[in-house]
């Protein structure tokens, strides 16, 4: 897990084998994979209080 916002939403990265990584969001007890379906490396490094997720290099631009 890399980031948590004021409402408790959490983001992070998981992966079984390198360099393949996937990003996740855990919010209100619900887990969601937010990985790029066309990529092999997705990051979720931070989440702000509005719900914008910082993916730094992957271009997800996710707002929840």
PDB file of N, CA and C in Angstrom:
ATOM      1  N   UNK A   1       0.846  -1.164   0.000  1.00  0.00           N
ATOM      2  CA  UNK A   1       0.000   0.000   0.000  1.00  0.00           C
ATOM      3  C   UNK A   1       0.897   1.234   0.000  1.00  0.00           C
ATOM      4  N   UNK A   2       0.523   2.202  -0.826  1.00  0.00           N
ATOM      5  CA  UNK A   2       1.324   3.418  -0.941  1.00  0.00           C
ATOM      6  C   UNK A   2       0.626   4.660  -0.419  1.00  0.00           C
ATOM      7  N   UNK A   3      -0.683   4.755  -0.553  1.00  0.00           N
ATOM      8  CA  UNK A   3      -1.344   5.997  -0.162  1.00  0.00           C
ATOM      9  C   UNK A   3      -2.684   5.782   0.502  1.00  0.00           C
ATOM     10  N   UNK A   4      -3.014   6.696   1.431  1.00  0.00           N
ATOM     11  CA  UNK A   4      -4.300   6.699   2.123  1.00  0.00           C
ATOM     12  C   UNK A   4      -4.767   8.149   2.187  1.00  0.00           C
ATOM     13  N   UNK A   5      -6.047   8.393   1.888  1.00  0.00           N
ATOM     14  CA  UNK A   5      -6.550   9.758   2.006  1.00  0.00           C
ATOM     15  C   UNK A   5      -7.344   9.928   3.300  1.00  0.00           C
ATOM     16  N   UNK A   6      -7.889  11.122   3.512  1.00  0.00           N
ATOM     17  CA  UNK A   6      -8.565  11.454   4.766  1.00  0.00           C
ATOM     18  C   UNK A   6      -9.807  10.593   5.022  1.00  0.00           C
ATOM     19  N   UNK A   7     -10.446  10.092   3.963  1.00  0.00           N
ATOM     20  CA  UNK A   7     -11.631   9.263   4.154  1.00  0.00           C
ATOM     21  C   UNK A   7     -11.298   7.779   4.271  1.00  0.00           C
ATOM     22  N   UNK A   8      -9.999   7.442   4.232  1.00  0.00           N
ATOM     23  CA  UNK A   8      -9.574   6.060   4.427  1.00  0.00           C
ATOM     24  C   UNK A   8      -9.430   5.242   3.162  1.00  0.00           C
ATOM     25  N   UNK A   9      -9.608   5.855   1.990  1.00  0.00           N
ATOM     26  CA  UNK A   9      -9.387   5.133   0.731  1.00  0.00           C
ATOM     27  C   UNK A   9      -7.898   4.848   0.599  1.00  0.00           C
ATOM     28  N   UNK A  10      -7.566   3.615   0.184  1.00  0.00           N
ATOM     29  CA  UNK A  10      -6.169   3.203   0.080  1.00  0.00           C
ATOM     30  C   UNK A  10      -5.852   2.762  -1.341  1.00  0.00           C
ATOM     31  N   UNK A  11      -4.656   3.097  -1.796  1.00  0.00           N
ATOM     32  CA  UNK A  11      -4.175   2.644  -3.102  1.00  0.00           C
ATOM     33  C   UNK A  11      -2.820   1.983  -2.944  1.00  0.00           C
ATOM     34  N   UNK A  12      -2.515   1.106  -3.878  1.00  0.00           N
ATOM     35  CA  UNK A  12      -1.234   0.428  -3.835  1.00  0.00           C
ATOM     36  C   UNK A  12      -0.996  -0.387  -5.081  1.00  0.00           C
ATOM     37  N   UNK A  13       0.031  -1.211  -5.009  1.00  0.00           N
ATOM     38  CA  UNK A  13       0.488  -2.001  -6.152  1.00  0.00           C
ATOM     39  C   UNK A  13       0.719  -3.432  -5.691  1.00  0.00           C
ATOM     40  N   UNK A  14       0.383  -4.375  -6.552  1.00  0.00           N
ATOM     41  CA  UNK A  14       0.710  -5.769  -6.277  1.00  0.00           C
ATOM     42  C   UNK A  14       1.193  -6.411  -7.563  1.00  0.00           C
ATOM     43  N   UNK A  15       1.933  -7.484  -7.445  1.00  0.00           N
ATOM     44  CA  UNK A  15       2.400  -8.184  -8.623  1.00  0.00           C
ATOM     45  C   UNK A  15       2.984  -9.530  -8.255  1.00  0.00           C
ATOM     46  N   UNK A  16       2.706 -10.504  -9.076  1.00  0.00           N
ATOM     47  CA  UNK A  16       3.223 -11.847  -8.830  1.00  0.00           C
ATOM     48  C   UNK A  16       4.629 -12.004  -9.380  1.00  0.00           C
ATOM     49  N   UNK A  17       4.889 -11.413 -10.524  1.00  0.00           N
ATOM     50  CA  UNK A  17       6.212 -11.508 -11.138  1.00  0.00           C
ATOM     51  C   UNK A  17       6.607 -10.146 -11.688  1.00  0.00           C
ATOM     52  N   UNK A  18       7.846  -9.793 -11.529  1.00  0.00           N
ATOM     53  CA  UNK A  18       8.347  -8.532 -12.063  1.00  0.00           C
ATOM     54  C   UNK A  18       8.655  -8.718 -13.541  1.00  0.00           C
ATOM     55  N   UNK A  19       8.462  -7.770 -14.393  1.00  0.00           N
ATOM     56  CA  UNK A  19       8.089  -6.393 -14.107  1.00  0.00           C
ATOM     57  C   UNK A  19       6.580  -6.151 -14.154  1.00  0.00           C
ATOM     58  N   UNK A  20       5.771  -7.172 -14.111  1.00  0.00           N
ATOM     59  CA  UNK A  20       4.316  -6.995 -14.187  1.00  0.00           C
ATOM     60  C   UNK A  20       3.786  -6.556 -12.827  1.00  0.00           C
ATOM     61  N   UNK A  21       3.131  -5.398 -12.806  1.00  0.00           N
ATOM     62  CA  UNK A  21       2.507  -4.901 -11.576  1.00  0.00           C
ATOM     63  C   UNK A  21       1.087  -4.449 -11.884  1.00  0.00           C
ATOM     64  N   UNK A  22       0.248  -4.478 -10.873  1.00  0.00           N
ATOM     65  CA  UNK A  22      -1.148  -4.060 -10.972  1.00  0.00           C
ATOM     66  C   UNK A  22      -1.444  -3.084  -9.848  1.00  0.00           C
ATOM     67  N   UNK A  23      -2.371  -2.186 -10.084  1.00  0.00           N
ATOM     68  CA  UNK A  23      -2.755  -1.194  -9.082  1.00  0.00           C
ATOM     69  C   UNK A  23      -4.121  -1.561  -8.498  1.00  0.00           C
ATOM     70  N   UNK A  24      -4.320  -1.159  -7.231  1.00  0.00           N
ATOM     71  CA  UNK A  24      -5.609  -1.416  -6.596  1.00  0.00           C
ATOM     72  C   UNK A  24      -6.075  -0.206  -5.812  1.00  0.00           C
ATOM     73  N   UNK A  25      -7.394  -0.184  -5.581  1.00  0.00           N
ATOM     74  CA  UNK A  25      -8.051   0.802  -4.725  1.00  0.00           C
ATOM     75  C   UNK A  25      -8.886   0.029  -3.726  1.00  0.00           C
ATOM     76  N   UNK A  26      -8.752   0.345  -2.458  1.00  0.00           N
ATOM     77  CA  UNK A  26      -9.585  -0.223  -1.402  1.00  0.00           C
ATOM     78  C   UNK A  26     -10.326   0.931  -0.758  1.00  0.00           C
ATOM     79  N   UNK A  27     -11.647   0.948  -0.939  1.00  0.00           N
ATOM     80  CA  UNK A  27     -12.462   2.063  -0.469  1.00  0.00           C
ATOM     81  C   UNK A  27     -13.779   1.534   0.071  1.00  0.00           C
ATOM     82  N   UNK A  28     -14.124   1.960   1.278  1.00  0.00           N
ATOM     83  CA  UNK A  28     -15.375   1.539   1.926  1.00  0.00           C
ATOM     84  C   UNK A  28     -15.512   0.021   1.955  1.00  0.00           C
ATOM     85  N   UNK A  29     -14.412  -0.677   2.182  1.00  0.00           N
ATOM     86  CA  UNK A  29     -14.422  -2.134   2.275  1.00  0.00           C
ATOM     87  C   UNK A  29     -14.511  -2.853   0.945  1.00  0.00           C
ATOM     88  N   UNK A  30     -14.477  -2.113  -0.150  1.00  0.00           N
ATOM     89  CA  UNK A  30     -14.570  -2.698  -1.482  1.00  0.00           C
ATOM     90  C   UNK A  30     -13.215  -2.609  -2.184  1.00  0.00           C
ATOM     91  N   UNK A  31     -12.737  -3.745  -2.692  1.00  0.00           N
ATOM     92  CA  UNK A  31     -11.482  -3.817  -3.423  1.00  0.00           C
ATOM     93  C   UNK A  31     -11.758  -3.661  -4.908  1.00  0.00           C
ATOM     94  N   UNK A  32     -10.935  -2.862  -5.590  1.00  0.00           N
ATOM     95  CA  UNK A  32     -11.084  -2.681  -7.027  1.00  0.00           C
ATOM     96  C   UNK A  32      -9.707  -2.687  -7.683  1.00  0.00           C
ATOM     97  N   UNK A  33      -9.533  -3.520  -8.693  1.00  0.00           N
ATOM     98  CA  UNK A  33      -8.319  -3.510  -9.495  1.00  0.00           C
ATOM     99  C   UNK A  33      -8.447  -2.350 -10.469  1.00  0.00           C
ATOM    100  N   UNK A  34      -7.502  -1.423 -10.430  1.00  0.00           N
ATOM    101  CA  UNK A  34      -7.557  -0.252 -11.311  1.00  0.00           C
ATOM    102  C   UNK A  34      -6.402  -0.271 -12.310  1.00  0.00           C
ATOM    103  N   UNK A  35      -5.960  -1.460 -12.659  1.00  0.00           N
ATOM    104  CA  UNK A  35      -4.846  -1.610 -13.587  1.00  0.00           C
ATOM    105  C   UNK A  35      -5.235  -1.251 -15.009  1.00  0.00           C
ATOM    106  N   UNK A  36      -4.250  -0.834 -15.765  1.00  0.00           N
ATOM    107  CA  UNK A  36      -4.420  -0.594 -17.187  1.00  0.00           C
ATOM    108  C   UNK A  36      -4.520  -1.958 -17.864  1.00  0.00           C
ATOM    109  N   UNK A  37      -5.641  -2.281 -18.501  1.00  0.00           N
ATOM    110  CA  UNK A  37      -5.800  -3.606 -19.103  1.00  0.00           C
ATOM    111  C   UNK A  37      -4.875  -3.859 -20.292  1.00  0.00           C
ATOM    112  N   UNK A  38      -4.293  -2.797 -20.837  1.00  0.00           N
ATOM    113  CA  UNK A  38      -3.429  -2.941 -22.005  1.00  0.00           C
ATOM    114  C   UNK A  38      -1.946  -2.813 -21.668  1.00  0.00           C
ATOM    115  N   UNK A  39      -1.631  -2.680 -20.396  1.00  0.00           N
ATOM    116  CA  UNK A  39      -0.245  -2.499 -19.987  1.00  0.00           C
ATOM    117  C   UNK A  39       0.237  -3.636 -19.111  1.00  0.00           C
ATOM    118  N   UNK A  40       1.518  -3.615 -18.819  1.00  0.00           N
ATOM    119  CA  UNK A  40       2.093  -4.630 -17.941  1.00  0.00           C
ATOM    120  C   UNK A  40       2.541  -4.041 -16.616  1.00  0.00           C
ATOM    121  N   UNK A  41       2.538  -2.706 -16.507  1.00  0.00           N
ATOM    122  CA  UNK A  41       2.972  -2.091 -15.272  1.00  0.00           C
ATOM    123  C   UNK A  41       2.069  -0.911 -14.964  1.00  0.00           C
ATOM    124  N   UNK A  42       1.290  -1.029 -13.904  1.00  0.00           N
ATOM    125  CA  UNK A  42       0.413   0.036 -13.460  1.00  0.00           C
ATOM    126  C   UNK A  42       0.745   0.347 -12.012  1.00  0.00           C
ATOM    127  N   UNK A  43       0.851   1.628 -11.699  1.00  0.00           N
ATOM    128  CA  UNK A  43       1.169   2.069 -10.350  1.00  0.00           C
ATOM    129  C   UNK A  43       0.031   2.910  -9.786  1.00  0.00           C
ATOM    130  N   UNK A  44      -0.192   2.824  -8.494  1.00  0.00           N
ATOM    131  CA  UNK A  44      -1.074   3.732  -7.764  1.00  0.00           C
ATOM    132  C   UNK A  44      -0.276   4.132  -6.535  1.00  0.00           C
ATOM    133  N   UNK A  45       0.287   5.330  -6.576  1.00  0.00           N
ATOM    134  CA  UNK A  45       1.275   5.721  -5.580  1.00  0.00           C
ATOM    135  C   UNK A  45       0.724   6.636  -4.495  1.00  0.00           C
ATOM    136  N   UNK A  46      -0.384   7.321  -4.777  1.00  0.00           N
ATOM    137  CA  UNK A  46      -0.973   8.230  -3.784  1.00  0.00           C
ATOM    138  C   UNK A  46      -2.411   8.509  -4.180  1.00  0.00           C
ATOM    139  N   UNK A  47      -3.211   8.907  -3.197  1.00  0.00           N
ATOM    140  CA  UNK A  47      -4.590   9.321  -3.454  1.00  0.00           C
ATOM    141  C   UNK A  47      -4.862  10.561  -2.612  1.00  0.00           C
ATOM    142  N   UNK A  48      -5.443  11.590  -3.239  1.00  0.00           N
ATOM    143  CA  UNK A  48      -5.734  12.793  -2.464  1.00  0.00           C
ATOM    144  C   UNK A  48      -7.154  12.738  -1.910  1.00  0.00           C
ATOM    145  N   UNK A  49      -7.541  13.775  -1.181  1.00  0.00           N
ATOM    146  CA  UNK A  49      -8.843  13.768  -0.517  1.00  0.00           C
ATOM    147  C   UNK A  49     -10.014  13.909  -1.475  1.00  0.00           C
ATOM    148  N   UNK A  50      -9.760  14.313  -2.710  1.00  0.00           N
ATOM    149  CA  UNK A  50     -10.805  14.373  -3.738  1.00  0.00           C
ATOM    150  C   UNK A  50     -10.992  13.007  -4.385  1.00  0.00           C
ATOM    151  N   UNK A  51      -9.966  12.152  -4.308  1.00  0.00           N
ATOM    152  CA  UNK A  51     -10.028  10.826  -4.901  1.00  0.00           C
ATOM    153  C   UNK A  51      -9.180  10.659  -6.145  1.00  0.00           C
ATOM    154  N   UNK A  52      -8.411  11.691  -6.501  1.00  0.00           N
ATOM    155  CA  UNK A  52      -7.506  11.572  -7.643  1.00  0.00           C
ATOM    156  C   UNK A  52      -6.324  10.695  -7.257  1.00  0.00           C
ATOM    157  N   UNK A  53      -5.986   9.768  -8.131  1.00  0.00           N
ATOM    158  CA  UNK A  53      -4.912   8.821  -7.863  1.00  0.00           C
ATOM    159  C   UNK A  53      -3.696   9.192  -8.684  1.00  0.00           C
ATOM    160  N   UNK A  54      -2.547   9.274  -8.016  1.00  0.00           N
ATOM    161  CA  UNK A  54      -1.280   9.577  -8.674  1.00  0.00           C
ATOM    162  C   UNK A  54      -0.677   8.271  -9.176  1.00  0.00           C
ATOM    163  N   UNK A  55      -0.584   8.160 -10.487  1.00  0.00           N
ATOM    164  CA  UNK A  55       0.010   6.963 -11.078  1.00  0.00           C
ATOM    165  C   UNK A  55       1.368   7.262 -11.703  1.00  0.00           C
ATOM    166  N   UNK A  56       1.819   8.495 -11.616  1.00  0.00           N
ATOM    167  CA  UNK A  56       3.125   8.986 -12.060  1.00  0.00           C
ATOM    168  C   UNK A  56       3.484   8.706 -13.506  1.00  0.00           C
ATOM    169  N   UNK A  57       3.447   7.494 -13.971  1.00  0.00           N
ATOM    170  CA  UNK A  57       3.932   7.227 -15.320  1.00  0.00           C
ATOM    171  C   UNK A  57       2.943   6.494 -16.197  1.00  0.00           C
ATOM    172  N   UNK A  58       1.854   6.043 -15.634  1.00  0.00           N
ATOM    173  CA  UNK A  58       0.987   5.137 -16.401  1.00  0.00           C
ATOM    174  C   UNK A  58      -0.208   5.800 -17.044  1.00  0.00           C
ATOM    175  N   UNK A  59      -0.551   7.027 -16.646  1.00  0.00           N
ATOM    176  CA  UNK A  59      -1.619   7.755 -17.303  1.00  0.00           C
ATOM    177  C   UNK A  59      -3.032   7.259 -17.022  1.00  0.00           C
ATOM    178  N   UNK A  60      -3.278   6.705 -15.842  1.00  0.00           N
ATOM    179  CA  UNK A  60      -4.632   6.247 -15.533  1.00  0.00           C
ATOM    180  C   UNK A  60      -5.595   7.431 -15.383  1.00  0.00           C
ATOM    181  N   UNK A  61      -5.172   8.457 -14.653  1.00  0.00           N
ATOM    182  CA  UNK A  61      -6.024   9.604 -14.414  1.00  0.00           C
ATOM    183  C   UNK A  61      -7.326   9.245 -13.745  1.00  0.00           C
ATOM    184  N   UNK A  62      -7.300   8.342 -12.808  1.00  0.00           N
ATOM    185  CA  UNK A  62      -8.502   7.820 -12.164  1.00  0.00           C
ATOM    186  C   UNK A  62      -9.004   8.786 -11.103  1.00  0.00           C
ATOM    187  N   UNK A  63     -10.282   9.078 -11.104  1.00  0.00           N
ATOM    188  CA  UNK A  63     -10.918   9.825 -10.025  1.00  0.00           C
ATOM    189  C   UNK A  63     -12.088   8.999  -9.553  1.00  0.00           C
ATOM    190  N   UNK A  64     -12.124   8.738  -8.237  1.00  0.00           N
ATOM    191  CA  UNK A  64     -13.203   7.905  -7.684  1.00  0.00           C
ATOM    192  C   UNK A  64     -14.042   8.692  -6.698  1.00  0.00           C
TER     193      UNK A  64
END
